[in-house]
Structure formats: C-alpha cells, structure tokens
C-alpha cells in the first residue's frame, strides 16, 4: 500500500512539474521523477524477490549489495546487447521481401 502512495505522489509531482513555464525545468523535473520511480520500483522488486530485511543495519547493507549487484548486472546485459546489435550485419536483406517486376 505504501508503494502505491509513493508512486501516486511522484506522479502528482511530475504533473505539477509539467505546469512550469520553462521547458528546461519541465524536462529536468520529469526526468528526476522518472528516475525516482525507477529506483523506487526496482528497489521494491529486488527487496521482495530476495526477502531483504530493511529494519537492521546489516539488512540495509545487504540490500545495498544486492541492489547494486542487480543494477550492475542489468548494465552489463545492456552493454552486451548493444555490442551484439552493433556487430550485426544490418545491410543484408532477405530477397523474399523484395519483389522485382
């Protein structure tokens, strides 16, 4: 229940940020709200999956280790995916898709 309240508050702050006059301020605040939503939702997901105890200092340090490991693994996966996409031969085409008259 608390997670939904935090998400709703962040969305309301994002909507209020859109009301600002300057485009630069709008973009920056919306970016911050999206970053906060990502961090909160991913931390809640990792915490639930690993049954982390956030009531003690040992539990908090354990949660930080697990979460940073999760983030690092995600960035490594993105790096590998981007590297494989760059190395692909994007110029070759399948002749069955091109109809010649």
PDB file of N, CA and C in Angstrom:
ATOM      1  N   UNK A   1       0.829  -1.198   0.000  1.00  0.00           N
ATOM      2  CA  UNK A   1       0.000   0.000   0.000  1.00  0.00           C
ATOM      3  C   UNK A   1       0.865   1.250   0.000  1.00  0.00           C
ATOM      4  N   UNK A   2       1.948   1.221   0.778  1.00  0.00           N
ATOM      5  CA  UNK A   2       2.829   2.372   0.846  1.00  0.00           C
ATOM      6  C   UNK A   2       3.484   2.655  -0.500  1.00  0.00           C
ATOM      7  N   UNK A   3       3.784   1.594  -1.253  1.00  0.00           N
ATOM      8  CA  UNK A   3       4.425   1.786  -2.549  1.00  0.00           C
ATOM      9  C   UNK A   3       3.498   2.517  -3.516  1.00  0.00           C
ATOM     10  N   UNK A   4       2.215   2.210  -3.484  1.00  0.00           N
ATOM     11  CA  UNK A   4       1.280   2.905  -4.363  1.00  0.00           C
ATOM     12  C   UNK A   4       1.147   4.374  -3.979  1.00  0.00           C
ATOM     13  N   UNK A   5       1.204   4.676  -2.700  1.00  0.00           N
ATOM     14  CA  UNK A   5       1.133   6.066  -2.250  1.00  0.00           C
ATOM     15  C   UNK A   5       2.349   6.835  -2.748  1.00  0.00           C
ATOM     16  N   UNK A   6       3.521   6.240  -2.647  1.00  0.00           N
ATOM     17  CA  UNK A   6       4.744   6.901  -3.128  1.00  0.00           C
ATOM     18  C   UNK A   6       4.673   7.113  -4.626  1.00  0.00           C
ATOM     19  N   UNK A   7       4.213   6.116  -5.374  1.00  0.00           N
ATOM     20  CA  UNK A   7       4.108   6.242  -6.829  1.00  0.00           C
ATOM     21  C   UNK A   7       3.115   7.333  -7.199  1.00  0.00           C
ATOM     22  N   UNK A   8       1.977   7.399  -6.532  1.00  0.00           N
ATOM     23  CA  UNK A   8       0.980   8.441  -6.822  1.00  0.00           C
ATOM     24  C   UNK A   8       1.541   9.828  -6.506  1.00  0.00           C
ATOM     25  N   UNK A   9       2.252   9.949  -5.398  1.00  0.00           N
ATOM     26  CA  UNK A   9       2.854  11.245  -5.041  1.00  0.00           C
ATOM     27  C   UNK A   9       3.869  11.673  -6.107  1.00  0.00           C
ATOM     28  N   UNK A  10       4.696  10.743  -6.560  1.00  0.00           N
ATOM     29  CA  UNK A  10       5.674  11.076  -7.593  1.00  0.00           C
ATOM     30  C   UNK A  10       5.004  11.460  -8.907  1.00  0.00           C
ATOM     31  N   UNK A  11       3.919  10.804  -9.259  1.00  0.00           N
ATOM     32  CA  UNK A  11       3.196  11.158 -10.484  1.00  0.00           C
ATOM     33  C   UNK A  11       2.568  12.535 -10.358  1.00  0.00           C
ATOM     34  N   UNK A  12       2.000  12.845  -9.203  1.00  0.00           N
ATOM     35  CA  UNK A  12       1.410  14.172  -8.982  1.00  0.00           C
ATOM     36  C   UNK A  12       2.488  15.253  -9.060  1.00  0.00           C
ATOM     37  N   UNK A  13       3.653  14.984  -8.477  1.00  0.00           N
ATOM     38  CA  UNK A  13       4.762  15.945  -8.562  1.00  0.00           C
ATOM     39  C   UNK A  13       5.185  16.119 -10.014  1.00  0.00           C
ATOM     40  N   UNK A  14       5.205  15.038 -10.776  1.00  0.00           N
ATOM     41  CA  UNK A  14       5.545  15.123 -12.195  1.00  0.00           C
ATOM     42  C   UNK A  14       4.541  15.950 -12.977  1.00  0.00           C
ATOM     43  N   UNK A  15       3.264  15.782 -12.686  1.00  0.00           N
ATOM     44  CA  UNK A  15       2.229  16.572 -13.369  1.00  0.00           C
ATOM     45  C   UNK A  15       2.349  18.040 -12.996  1.00  0.00           C
ATOM     46  N   UNK A  16       2.636  18.316 -11.731  1.00  0.00           N
ATOM     47  CA  UNK A  16       2.825  19.708 -11.318  1.00  0.00           C
ATOM     48  C   UNK A  16       4.067  20.299 -11.994  1.00  0.00           C
ATOM     49  N   UNK A  17       5.081  19.496 -12.210  1.00  0.00           N
ATOM     50  CA  UNK A  17       6.299  19.974 -12.857  1.00  0.00           C
ATOM     51  C   UNK A  17       6.031  20.346 -14.304  1.00  0.00           C
ATOM     52  N   UNK A  18       5.117  19.657 -14.935  1.00  0.00           N
ATOM     53  CA  UNK A  18       4.784  19.965 -16.324  1.00  0.00           C
ATOM     54  C   UNK A  18       4.135  21.343 -16.427  1.00  0.00           C
ATOM     55  N   UNK A  19       3.514  21.806 -15.371  1.00  0.00           N
ATOM     56  CA  UNK A  19       2.857  23.110 -15.367  1.00  0.00           C
ATOM     57  C   UNK A  19       3.845  24.282 -15.369  1.00  0.00           C
ATOM     58  N   UNK A  20       5.135  24.000 -15.098  1.00  0.00           N
ATOM     59  CA  UNK A  20       6.134  25.065 -15.096  1.00  0.00           C
ATOM     60  C   UNK A  20       6.255  25.678 -16.488  1.00  0.00           C
ATOM     61  N   UNK A  21       6.725  26.915 -16.540  1.00  0.00           N
ATOM     62  CA  UNK A  21       6.796  27.636 -17.810  1.00  0.00           C
ATOM     63  C   UNK A  21       7.999  27.240 -18.653  1.00  0.00           C
ATOM     64  N   UNK A  22       9.122  27.051 -18.058  1.00  0.00           N
ATOM     65  CA  UNK A  22      10.338  26.813 -18.817  1.00  0.00           C
ATOM     66  C   UNK A  22      10.464  25.347 -19.194  1.00  0.00           C
ATOM     67  N   UNK A  23      10.749  25.103 -20.463  1.00  0.00           N
ATOM     68  CA  UNK A  23      10.876  23.745 -20.968  1.00  0.00           C
ATOM     69  C   UNK A  23      12.024  23.003 -20.302  1.00  0.00           C
ATOM     70  N   UNK A  24      13.119  23.709 -20.044  1.00  0.00           N
ATOM     71  CA  UNK A  24      14.283  23.083 -19.423  1.00  0.00           C
ATOM     72  C   UNK A  24      13.937  22.570 -18.024  1.00  0.00           C
ATOM     73  N   UNK A  25      13.189  23.347 -17.267  1.00  0.00           N
ATOM     74  CA  UNK A  25      12.795  22.934 -15.917  1.00  0.00           C
ATOM     75  C   UNK A  25      11.832  21.749 -15.978  1.00  0.00           C
ATOM     76  N   UNK A  26      10.913  21.786 -16.932  1.00  0.00           N
ATOM     77  CA  UNK A  26       9.965  20.690 -17.082  1.00  0.00           C
ATOM     78  C   UNK A  26      10.692  19.388 -17.373  1.00  0.00           C
ATOM     79  N   UNK A  27      11.584  19.440 -18.325  1.00  0.00           N
ATOM     80  CA  UNK A  27      12.315  18.240 -18.722  1.00  0.00           C
ATOM     81  C   UNK A  27      13.128  17.690 -17.561  1.00  0.00           C
ATOM     82  N   UNK A  28      13.817  18.552 -16.843  1.00  0.00           N
ATOM     83  CA  UNK A  28      14.655  18.126 -15.731  1.00  0.00           C
ATOM     84  C   UNK A  28      13.836  17.496 -14.614  1.00  0.00           C
ATOM     85  N   UNK A  29      12.721  18.095 -14.255  1.00  0.00           N
ATOM     86  CA  UNK A  29      11.904  17.579 -13.163  1.00  0.00           C
ATOM     87  C   UNK A  29      11.216  16.283 -13.565  1.00  0.00           C
ATOM     88  N   UNK A  30      10.729  16.203 -14.807  1.00  0.00           N
ATOM     89  CA  UNK A  30      10.119  14.963 -15.271  1.00  0.00           C
ATOM     90  C   UNK A  30      11.159  13.851 -15.292  1.00  0.00           C
ATOM     91  N   UNK A  31      12.382  14.162 -15.699  1.00  0.00           N
ATOM     92  CA  UNK A  31      13.465  13.185 -15.690  1.00  0.00           C
ATOM     93  C   UNK A  31      13.765  12.713 -14.270  1.00  0.00           C
ATOM     94  N   UNK A  32      13.785  13.648 -13.318  1.00  0.00           N
ATOM     95  CA  UNK A  32      14.016  13.270 -11.918  1.00  0.00           C
ATOM     96  C   UNK A  32      12.895  12.393 -11.369  1.00  0.00           C
ATOM     97  N   UNK A  33      11.656  12.709 -11.726  1.00  0.00           N
ATOM     98  CA  UNK A  33      10.521  11.910 -11.254  1.00  0.00           C
ATOM     99  C   UNK A  33      10.585  10.505 -11.850  1.00  0.00           C
ATOM    100  N   UNK A  34      10.920  10.400 -13.135  1.00  0.00           N
ATOM    101  CA  UNK A  34      11.045   9.085 -13.755  1.00  0.00           C
ATOM    102  C   UNK A  34      12.187   8.286 -13.137  1.00  0.00           C
ATOM    103  N   UNK A  35      13.295   8.949 -12.842  1.00  0.00           N
ATOM    104  CA  UNK A  35      14.415   8.281 -12.190  1.00  0.00           C
ATOM    105  C   UNK A  35      14.022   7.800 -10.791  1.00  0.00           C
ATOM    106  N   UNK A  36      13.290   8.632 -10.054  1.00  0.00           N
ATOM    107  CA  UNK A  36      12.840   8.245  -8.711  1.00  0.00           C
ATOM    108  C   UNK A  36      11.870   7.062  -8.784  1.00  0.00           C
ATOM    109  N   UNK A  37      10.964   7.069  -9.774  1.00  0.00           N
ATOM    110  CA  UNK A  37      10.046   5.942  -9.940  1.00  0.00           C
ATOM    111  C   UNK A  37      10.800   4.659 -10.270  1.00  0.00           C
ATOM    112  N   UNK A  38      11.800   4.764 -11.143  1.00  0.00           N
ATOM    113  CA  UNK A  38      12.593   3.591 -11.491  1.00  0.00           C
ATOM    114  C   UNK A  38      13.335   3.052 -10.280  1.00  0.00           C
ATOM    115  N   UNK A  39      14.009   3.936  -9.552  1.00  0.00           N
ATOM    116  CA  UNK A  39      14.777   3.489  -8.399  1.00  0.00           C
ATOM    117  C   UNK A  39      13.875   2.883  -7.327  1.00  0.00           C
ATOM    118  N   UNK A  40      12.753   3.511  -7.060  1.00  0.00           N
ATOM    119  CA  UNK A  40      11.852   3.002  -6.024  1.00  0.00           C
ATOM    120  C   UNK A  40      11.246   1.660  -6.427  1.00  0.00           C
ATOM    121  N   UNK A  41      10.747   1.572  -7.653  1.00  0.00           N
ATOM    122  CA  UNK A  41      10.103   0.330  -8.068  1.00  0.00           C
ATOM    123  C   UNK A  41      11.114  -0.809  -8.206  1.00  0.00           C
ATOM    124  N   UNK A  42      12.317  -0.512  -8.689  1.00  0.00           N
ATOM    125  CA  UNK A  42      13.313  -1.582  -8.807  1.00  0.00           C
ATOM    126  C   UNK A  42      13.803  -2.023  -7.427  1.00  0.00           C
ATOM    127  N   UNK A  43      13.955  -1.094  -6.504  1.00  0.00           N
ATOM    128  CA  UNK A  43      14.369  -1.469  -5.146  1.00  0.00           C
ATOM    129  C   UNK A  43      13.280  -2.297  -4.466  1.00  0.00           C
ATOM    130  N   UNK A  44      12.032  -1.941  -4.673  1.00  0.00           N
ATOM    131  CA  UNK A  44      10.935  -2.724  -4.100  1.00  0.00           C
ATOM    132  C   UNK A  44      10.901  -4.116  -4.707  1.00  0.00           C
ATOM    133  N   UNK A  45      11.155  -4.228  -6.004  1.00  0.00           N
ATOM    134  CA  UNK A  45      11.172  -5.527  -6.664  1.00  0.00           C
ATOM    135  C   UNK A  45      12.307  -6.404  -6.139  1.00  0.00           C
ATOM    136  N   UNK A  46      13.494  -5.837  -6.046  1.00  0.00           N
ATOM    137  CA  UNK A  46      14.649  -6.590  -5.549  1.00  0.00           C
ATOM    138  C   UNK A  46      14.443  -6.966  -4.082  1.00  0.00           C
ATOM    139  N   UNK A  47      13.900  -6.067  -3.312  1.00  0.00           N
ATOM    140  CA  UNK A  47      13.659  -6.342  -1.894  1.00  0.00           C
ATOM    141  C   UNK A  47      12.650  -7.473  -1.711  1.00  0.00           C
ATOM    142  N   UNK A  48      11.586  -7.467  -2.503  1.00  0.00           N
ATOM    143  CA  UNK A  48      10.580  -8.518  -2.394  1.00  0.00           C
ATOM    144  C   UNK A  48      11.104  -9.868  -2.867  1.00  0.00           C
ATOM    145  N   UNK A  49      11.868  -9.868  -3.963  1.00  0.00           N
ATOM    146  CA  UNK A  49      12.364 -11.136  -4.503  1.00  0.00           C
ATOM    147  C   UNK A  49      13.394 -11.797  -3.585  1.00  0.00           C
ATOM    148  N   UNK A  50      14.199 -11.005  -2.897  1.00  0.00           N
ATOM    149  CA  UNK A  50      15.264 -11.556  -2.070  1.00  0.00           C
ATOM    150  C   UNK A  50      14.928 -11.573  -0.588  1.00  0.00           C
ATOM    151  N   UNK A  51      13.727 -11.209  -0.212  1.00  0.00           N
ATOM    152  CA  UNK A  51      13.279 -11.187   1.188  1.00  0.00           C
ATOM    153  C   UNK A  51      14.273 -10.448   2.072  1.00  0.00           C
ATOM    154  N   UNK A  52      14.592  -9.220   1.681  1.00  0.00           N
ATOM    155  CA  UNK A  52      15.566  -8.424   2.420  1.00  0.00           C
ATOM    156  C   UNK A  52      14.909  -7.784   3.639  1.00  0.00           C
ATOM    157  N   UNK A  53      15.647  -7.732   4.745  1.00  0.00           N
ATOM    158  CA  UNK A  53      15.180  -7.109   5.972  1.00  0.00           C
ATOM    159  C   UNK A  53      15.798  -5.714   6.055  1.00  0.00           C
ATOM    160  N   UNK A  54      14.963  -4.688   5.953  1.00  0.00           N
ATOM    161  CA  UNK A  54      15.449  -3.309   5.985  1.00  0.00           C
ATOM    162  C   UNK A  54      15.314  -2.683   7.372  1.00  0.00           C
ATOM    163  N   UNK A  55      15.104  -3.504   8.390  1.00  0.00           N
ATOM    164  CA  UNK A  55      14.931  -2.985   9.747  1.00  0.00           C
ATOM    165  C   UNK A  55      16.230  -2.924  10.530  1.00  0.00           C
ATOM    166  N   UNK A  56      17.286  -3.534  10.039  1.00  0.00           N
ATOM    167  CA  UNK A  56      18.565  -3.507  10.745  1.00  0.00           C
ATOM    168  C   UNK A  56      19.649  -2.969   9.822  1.00  0.00           C
ATOM    169  N   UNK A  57      20.746  -2.561  10.421  1.00  0.00           N
ATOM    170  CA  UNK A  57      21.835  -2.017   9.600  1.00  0.00           C
ATOM    171  C   UNK A  57      22.466  -3.105   8.732  1.00  0.00           C
ATOM    172  N   UNK A  58      22.570  -4.326   9.240  1.00  0.00           N
ATOM    173  CA  UNK A  58      23.087  -5.430   8.439  1.00  0.00           C
ATOM    174  C   UNK A  58      22.177  -5.718   7.247  1.00  0.00           C
ATOM    175  N   UNK A  59      20.895  -5.648   7.466  1.00  0.00           N
ATOM    176  CA  UNK A  59      19.934  -5.862   6.386  1.00  0.00           C
ATOM    177  C   UNK A  59      20.011  -4.777   5.339  1.00  0.00           C
ATOM    178  N   UNK A  60      20.223  -3.537   5.782  1.00  0.00           N
ATOM    179  CA  UNK A  60      20.332  -2.426   4.833  1.00  0.00           C
ATOM    180  C   UNK A  60      21.588  -2.573   3.989  1.00  0.00           C
ATOM    181  N   UNK A  61      22.715  -2.927   4.613  1.00  0.00           N
ATOM    182  CA  UNK A  61      23.954  -3.117   3.850  1.00  0.00           C
ATOM    183  C   UNK A  61      23.834  -4.304   2.902  1.00  0.00           C
ATOM    184  N   UNK A  62      23.153  -5.339   3.328  1.00  0.00           N
ATOM    185  CA  UNK A  62      22.914  -6.486   2.458  1.00  0.00           C
ATOM    186  C   UNK A  62      22.039  -6.073   1.271  1.00  0.00           C
ATOM    187  N   UNK A  63      21.016  -5.264   1.541  1.00  0.00           N
ATOM    188  CA  UNK A  63      20.137  -4.793   0.472  1.00  0.00           C
ATOM    189  C   UNK A  63      20.904  -3.921  -0.519  1.00  0.00           C
ATOM    190  N   UNK A  64      21.802  -3.074  -0.021  1.00  0.00           N
ATOM    191  CA  UNK A  64      22.601  -2.233  -0.910  1.00  0.00           C
ATOM    192  C   UNK A  64      23.490  -3.089  -1.797  1.00  0.00           C
ATOM    193  N   UNK A  65      24.104  -4.132  -1.226  1.00  0.00           N
ATOM    194  CA  UNK A  65      24.953  -5.028  -2.021  1.00  0.00           C
ATOM    195  C   UNK A  65      24.151  -5.739  -3.101  1.00  0.00           C
ATOM    196  N   UNK A  66      22.985  -6.254  -2.725  1.00  0.00           N
ATOM    197  CA  UNK A  66      22.155  -6.980  -3.690  1.00  0.00           C
ATOM    198  C   UNK A  66      21.661  -6.034  -4.774  1.00  0.00           C
ATOM    199  N   UNK A  67      21.221  -4.832  -4.394  1.00  0.00           N
ATOM    200  CA  UNK A  67      20.674  -3.886  -5.367  1.00  0.00           C
ATOM    201  C   UNK A  67      21.751  -3.385  -6.323  1.00  0.00           C
ATOM    202  N   UNK A  68      22.930  -3.050  -5.801  1.00  0.00           N
ATOM    203  CA  UNK A  68      23.984  -2.582  -6.710  1.00  0.00           C
ATOM    204  C   UNK A  68      24.446  -3.714  -7.620  1.00  0.00           C
ATOM    205  N   UNK A  69      24.458  -4.939  -7.128  1.00  0.00           N
ATOM    206  CA  UNK A  69      24.764  -6.081  -7.981  1.00  0.00           C
ATOM    207  C   UNK A  69      23.723  -6.265  -9.070  1.00  0.00           C
ATOM    208  N   UNK A  70      22.468  -6.057  -8.712  1.00  0.00           N
ATOM    209  CA  UNK A  70      21.372  -6.160  -9.674  1.00  0.00           C
ATOM    210  C   UNK A  70      21.500  -5.084 -10.748  1.00  0.00           C
ATOM    211  N   UNK A  71      21.794  -3.851 -10.324  1.00  0.00           N
ATOM    212  CA  UNK A  71      21.978  -2.757 -11.295  1.00  0.00           C
ATOM    213  C   UNK A  71      23.181  -3.006 -12.192  1.00  0.00           C
ATOM    214  N   UNK A  72      24.290  -3.448 -11.618  1.00  0.00           N
ATOM    215  CA  UNK A  72      25.492  -3.710 -12.409  1.00  0.00           C
ATOM    216  C   UNK A  72      25.245  -4.829 -13.409  1.00  0.00           C
ATOM    217  N   UNK A  73      24.544  -5.862 -13.004  1.00  0.00           N
ATOM    218  CA  UNK A  73      24.219  -6.945 -13.918  1.00  0.00           C
ATOM    219  C   UNK A  73      23.316  -6.455 -15.045  1.00  0.00           C
ATOM    220  N   UNK A  74      22.367  -5.591 -14.726  1.00  0.00           N
ATOM    221  CA  UNK A  74      21.496  -5.027 -15.756  1.00  0.00           C
ATOM    222  C   UNK A  74      22.269  -4.190 -16.758  1.00  0.00           C
ATOM    223  N   UNK A  75      23.210  -3.375 -16.280  1.00  0.00           N
ATOM    224  CA  UNK A  75      24.014  -2.569 -17.193  1.00  0.00           C
ATOM    225  C   UNK A  75      24.949  -3.437 -18.027  1.00  0.00           C
ATOM    226  N   UNK A  76      25.482  -4.502 -17.443  1.00  0.00           N
ATOM    227  CA  UNK A  76      26.309  -5.436 -18.221  1.00  0.00           C
ATOM    228  C   UNK A  76      25.485  -6.097 -19.319  1.00  0.00           C
ATOM    229  N   UNK A  77      24.249  -6.470 -19.003  1.00  0.00           N
ATOM    230  CA  UNK A  77      23.377  -7.057 -20.017  1.00  0.00           C
ATOM    231  C   UNK A  77      23.070  -6.068 -21.129  1.00  0.00           C
ATOM    232  N   UNK A  78      22.820  -4.804 -20.783  1.00  0.00           N
ATOM    233  CA  UNK A  78      22.571  -3.784 -21.801  1.00  0.00           C
ATOM    234  C   UNK A  78      23.795  -3.563 -22.671  1.00  0.00           C
ATOM    235  N   UNK A  79      24.975  -3.572 -22.050  1.00  0.00           N
ATOM    236  CA  UNK A  79      26.218  -3.400 -22.800  1.00  0.00           C
ATOM    237  C   UNK A  79      26.419  -4.548 -23.783  1.00  0.00           C
ATOM    238  N   UNK A  80      26.179  -5.765 -23.341  1.00  0.00           N
ATOM    239  CA  UNK A  80      26.327  -6.924 -24.220  1.00  0.00           C
ATOM    240  C   UNK A  80      25.303  -6.890 -25.355  1.00  0.00           C
ATOM    241  N   UNK A  81      24.084  -6.492 -25.040  1.00  0.00           N
ATOM    242  CA  UNK A  81      23.037  -6.411 -26.046  1.00  0.00           C
ATOM    243  C   UNK A  81      23.361  -5.351 -27.096  1.00  0.00           C
ATOM    244  N   UNK A  82      23.822  -4.183 -26.641  1.00  0.00           N
ATOM    245  CA  UNK A  82      24.181  -3.125 -27.580  1.00  0.00           C
ATOM    246  C   UNK A  82      25.378  -3.529 -28.433  1.00  0.00           C
ATOM    247  N   UNK A  83      26.351  -4.202 -27.833  1.00  0.00           N
ATOM    248  CA  UNK A  83      27.511  -4.657 -28.588  1.00  0.00           C
ATOM    249  C   UNK A  83      27.140  -5.661 -29.658  1.00  0.00           C
ATOM    250  N   UNK A  84      26.249  -6.579 -29.336  1.00  0.00           N
ATOM    251  CA  UNK A  84      25.809  -7.564 -30.324  1.00  0.00           C
ATOM    252  C   UNK A  84      24.976  -6.918 -31.416  1.00  0.00           C
ATOM    253  N   UNK A  85      24.172  -5.908 -31.065  1.00  0.00           N
ATOM    254  CA  UNK A  85      23.367  -5.220 -32.066  1.00  0.00           C
ATOM    255  C   UNK A  85      24.256  -4.421 -33.026  1.00  0.00           C
ATOM    256  N   UNK A  86      25.336  -3.854 -32.517  1.00  0.00           N
ATOM    257  CA  UNK A  86      26.250  -3.092 -33.369  1.00  0.00           C
ATOM    258  C   UNK A  86      26.990  -4.016 -34.323  1.00  0.00           C
ATOM    259  N   UNK A  87      27.362  -5.212 -33.868  1.00  0.00           N
ATOM    260  CA  UNK A  87      28.129  -6.139 -34.691  1.00  0.00           C
ATOM    261  C   UNK A  87      27.282  -6.855 -35.744  1.00  0.00           C
ATOM    262  N   UNK A  88      25.967  -6.714 -35.676  1.00  0.00           N
ATOM    263  CA  UNK A  88      25.108  -7.395 -36.639  1.00  0.00           C
ATOM    264  C   UNK A  88      25.241  -6.773 -38.017  1.00  0.00           C
ATOM    265  N   UNK A  89      25.011  -7.582 -39.040  1.00  0.00           N
ATOM    266  CA  UNK A  89      25.037  -7.098 -40.412  1.00  0.00           C
ATOM    267  C   UNK A  89      23.644  -6.571 -40.757  1.00  0.00           C
ATOM    268  N   UNK A  90      23.462  -5.287 -40.659  1.00  0.00           N
ATOM    269  CA  UNK A  90      22.161  -4.672 -40.886  1.00  0.00           C
ATOM    270  C   UNK A  90      21.905  -4.400 -42.366  1.00  0.00           C
ATOM    271  N   UNK A  91      22.922  -4.571 -43.209  1.00  0.00           N
ATOM    272  CA  UNK A  91      22.759  -4.254 -44.627  1.00  0.00           C
ATOM    273  C   UNK A  91      22.184  -5.410 -45.414  1.00  0.00           C
ATOM    274  N   UNK A  92      22.289  -6.638 -44.958  1.00  0.00           N
ATOM    275  CA  UNK A  92      21.778  -7.771 -45.714  1.00  0.00           C
ATOM    276  C   UNK A  92      20.255  -7.808 -45.625  1.00  0.00           C
ATOM    277  N   UNK A  93      19.640  -8.170 -46.743  1.00  0.00           N
ATOM    278  CA  UNK A  93      18.185  -8.252 -46.791  1.00  0.00           C
ATOM    279  C   UNK A  93      17.791  -9.620 -47.324  1.00  0.00           C
ATOM    280  N   UNK A  94      16.624 -10.012 -46.996  1.00  0.00           N
ATOM    281  CA  UNK A  94      16.080 -11.265 -47.490  1.00  0.00           C
ATOM    282  C   UNK A  94      15.398 -10.978 -48.807  1.00  0.00           C
ATOM    283  N   UNK A  95      15.746 -11.689 -49.847  1.00  0.00           N
ATOM    284  CA  UNK A  95      15.220 -11.389 -51.165  1.00  0.00           C
ATOM    285  C   UNK A  95      13.728 -11.701 -51.279  1.00  0.00           C
ATOM    286  N   UNK A  96      13.195 -12.495 -50.396  1.00  0.00           N
ATOM    287  CA  UNK A  96      11.772 -12.811 -50.478  1.00  0.00           C
ATOM    288  C   UNK A  96      10.901 -11.610 -50.092  1.00  0.00           C
ATOM    289  N   UNK A  97      11.480 -10.630 -49.400  1.00  0.00           N
ATOM    290  CA  UNK A  97      10.725  -9.447 -49.032  1.00  0.00           C
ATOM    291  C   UNK A  97      10.711  -8.404 -50.141  1.00  0.00           C
ATOM    292  N   UNK A  98      11.628  -8.513 -51.088  1.00  0.00           N
ATOM    293  CA  UNK A  98      11.728  -7.524 -52.166  1.00  0.00           C
ATOM    294  C   UNK A  98      11.175  -8.146 -53.437  1.00  0.00           C
ATOM    295  N   UNK A  99      10.134  -7.525 -53.970  1.00  0.00           N
ATOM    296  CA  UNK A  99       9.521  -8.040 -55.193  1.00  0.00           C
ATOM    297  C   UNK A  99      10.073  -7.265 -56.389  1.00  0.00           C
ATOM    298  N   UNK A 100      10.602  -8.012 -57.354  1.00  0.00           N
ATOM    299  CA  UNK A 100      11.131  -7.396 -58.564  1.00  0.00           C
ATOM    300  C   UNK A 100      10.150  -7.691 -59.702  1.00  0.00           C
ATOM    301  N   UNK A 101       9.807  -6.652 -60.427  1.00  0.00           N
ATOM    302  CA  UNK A 101       8.871  -6.832 -61.550  1.00  0.00           C
ATOM    303  C   UNK A 101       9.586  -7.145 -62.823  1.00  0.00           C
TER     304      UNK A 101
END
